Amino acid sequence: FTFSPREETRFFEMKIKNQKSIHERFIFLKKLAAKFSLEYAEKFLGNTLRIVAEEKNNGYIGGYTENYIKVYLKQKVPLGEIYPVKIEKVEKDKVFATIN
């Protein structure tokens, strides 16, 4: 999120000089964070991790590993359970796995 001044702080009365620059830096940092997240996930390709199945979305089950990697499964499994999964593919902004 970008900086926004809060009431009863010194910065609340200040004029923000360059809103465009703030937004550009936010976009840059957001892209950089996504890149680092995918590079981190790629280190686990072929490894088995555990996930908690949390949601159904567009034919996939989504969940997080114990080290907070968002993973998508094509297999249908009950939500709220923990499953061992093998990290199969990191693609664009998603990590895909299969139940191991």
Protein backbone atom coordinates (compact mmCIF):
# COMPACT_ATOMS: atom_id res chain seq x y z
CA PHE A 1 0.00 0.00 0.00
CA THR A 2 1.09 3.56 -0.55
CA PHE A 3 1.71 6.12 2.14
CA SER A 4 -1.28 8.09 3.32
CA PRO A 5 -1.11 10.62 6.14
CA ARG A 6 -3.19 9.92 9.26
CA GLU A 7 -4.99 12.48 11.39
CA GLU A 8 -3.14 13.72 14.44
CA THR A 9 0.28 13.08 12.87
CA ARG A 10 2.82 15.60 11.60
CA PHE A 11 2.30 14.46 8.04
CA PHE A 12 -1.46 15.03 7.97
CA GLU A 13 -1.07 18.76 7.27
CA MET A 14 1.73 18.36 4.72
CA LYS A 15 1.05 18.68 1.03
CA ILE A 16 2.02 15.62 -0.98
CA LYS A 17 4.33 17.02 -3.62
CA ASN A 18 4.34 14.34 -6.28
CA GLN A 19 1.47 11.87 -6.17
CA LYS A 20 2.50 10.42 -9.54
CA SER A 21 5.97 9.57 -8.23
CA ILE A 22 4.46 7.84 -5.19
CA HIS A 23 2.21 5.74 -7.43
CA GLU A 24 5.09 4.85 -9.79
CA ARG A 25 7.22 3.69 -6.86
CA PHE A 26 4.30 1.63 -5.54
CA ILE A 27 3.88 -0.12 -8.92
CA PHE A 28 7.63 -0.76 -9.17
CA LEU A 29 7.80 -2.27 -5.68
CA LYS A 30 4.68 -4.36 -6.26
CA LYS A 31 6.23 -5.88 -9.41
CA LEU A 32 9.52 -6.46 -7.61
CA ALA A 33 7.76 -8.23 -4.73
CA ALA A 34 5.90 -10.49 -7.21
CA LYS A 35 9.20 -11.34 -8.94
CA PHE A 36 10.87 -12.23 -5.64
CA SER A 37 7.86 -14.34 -4.60
CA LEU A 38 8.04 -16.39 -7.80
CA GLU A 39 11.81 -16.80 -7.52
CA TYR A 40 11.30 -18.05 -3.97
CA ALA A 41 8.59 -20.50 -5.10
CA GLU A 42 10.84 -21.82 -7.90
CA LYS A 43 13.31 -23.01 -5.25
CA PHE A 44 10.69 -25.57 -4.19
CA LEU A 45 10.01 -27.08 -7.64
CA GLY A 46 9.86 -30.85 -7.27
CA ASN A 47 9.67 -30.67 -3.49
CA THR A 48 6.83 -31.86 -1.30
CA LEU A 49 5.20 -29.28 0.95
CA ARG A 50 2.01 -29.30 2.98
CA ILE A 51 -0.92 -27.02 2.20
CA VAL A 52 -4.21 -26.18 3.81
CA ALA A 53 -6.93 -26.34 1.13
CA GLU A 54 -8.79 -23.05 1.62
CA GLU A 55 -10.81 -22.10 -1.44
CA LYS A 56 -12.32 -23.23 -4.73
CA ASN A 57 -11.67 -20.90 -7.65
CA ASN A 58 -12.10 -21.49 -11.41
CA GLY A 59 -11.78 -25.27 -11.12
CA TYR A 60 -8.77 -25.13 -8.80
CA ILE A 61 -8.33 -25.60 -5.08
CA GLY A 62 -6.20 -22.85 -3.58
CA GLY A 63 -4.23 -22.99 -0.38
CA TYR A 64 -1.05 -21.91 1.35
CA THR A 65 2.01 -23.92 2.27
CA GLU A 66 3.58 -23.70 5.71
CA ASN A 67 6.04 -21.16 4.28
CA TYR A 68 3.18 -19.10 2.81
CA ILE A 69 3.41 -19.96 -0.88
CA LYS A 70 0.00 -19.73 -2.57
CA VAL A 71 -0.53 -23.05 -4.39
CA TYR A 72 -3.23 -24.23 -6.80
CA LEU A 73 -4.39 -27.84 -7.17
CA LYS A 74 -6.43 -29.22 -10.06
CA GLN A 75 -7.58 -32.19 -7.95
CA LYS A 76 -10.82 -31.82 -6.06
CA VAL A 77 -10.33 -32.25 -2.32
CA PRO A 78 -12.33 -31.20 0.74
CA LEU A 79 -11.52 -27.74 2.04
CA GLY A 80 -10.06 -27.20 5.47
CA GLU A 81 -7.75 -30.21 5.35
CA ILE A 82 -3.95 -30.40 5.16
CA TYR A 83 -2.44 -32.20 2.15
CA PRO A 84 1.10 -33.08 1.09
CA VAL A 85 1.64 -31.64 -2.40
CA LYS A 86 4.45 -31.73 -4.92
CA ILE A 87 5.28 -28.36 -6.47
CA GLU A 88 5.06 -29.01 -10.22
CA LYS A 89 5.11 -25.67 -12.01
CA VAL A 90 5.65 -21.97 -11.42
CA GLU A 91 3.98 -19.97 -14.18
CA LYS A 92 3.52 -16.19 -14.43
CA ASP A 93 2.00 -15.38 -11.05
CA LYS A 94 0.84 -18.84 -9.96
CA VAL A 95 2.31 -21.98 -8.38
CA PHE A 96 0.75 -25.33 -9.33
CA ALA A 97 1.03 -28.59 -7.43
CA THR A 98 -0.42 -32.09 -7.26
CA ILE A 99 -1.30 -34.13 -4.21
CA ASN A 100 1.67 -36.31 -3.38
